[in-house]
């Protein structure tokens, strides 16, 4: 429903009001449907400052779903502790999701989450490593932006790198085509990772339901107000590798 204030602002050509929590214009906001989840796993989302897809982006919406989550915008931080804003005594118990050129399906069939070493090869003792993870770092942006974040933050090499092998491609579908089948939105990646690490399938269910609501709202607004939800621009698909 459009308020009198929003109608007046549109008539004057003023910018559409935005939600202070998710950053989306109000007609695209679904924040009133989000109920934070208590999780033992901490979540840190590092967003590249040039990530421009605010209409379909999910970083801030993802963080709202967890009581123990932070979003930081920038290119580099001197340490995990500085990025998180509090002391981390053992970075090796944090996982960083970075696909690079590695493909989980080719390295270890049947594993949805795969811990890999600096060369992108599977680590031994997979279950033990994943059971000890205390926090997850997600890189939010296009594939080249994620690559920049990875290479500009050397402290990530002290963390455990993980890659994913999702059973289905991103729910974005035609709204945002990914260059690889294992490329997921930040929200989908968080849903998959935290639900598996905590053995709580309800986490994935809840986040994916929110993602579906966000996409449905986008399509509805796109049909009614294409100025607020324009067709997504092509992202950086030219690069076929993320490493």
Foldseek 3Di string as FASTA:
>chain_A
DDDPVQVVCVVVVHDADADPQLRARVLLDPLVVADADEAQAAEEEEEEQPADPSLQACPRVLQSNHPRYDYHYDQEDAAPCRRSVHDDPQQQLEEEEACFQADPCVQPNPDFKFWAAPVNHGDPPGVVSLLSRRYYYYYAHFLQSSLSSPVRYVNNNSYTYMYGDDPFAEPCPPLADDLDRRDYHPLQVCQVSRCVSVVNNVSNVVSVVVSVVSSVSLVVCCVVPVVSRPRDDHDPNVDNGSD
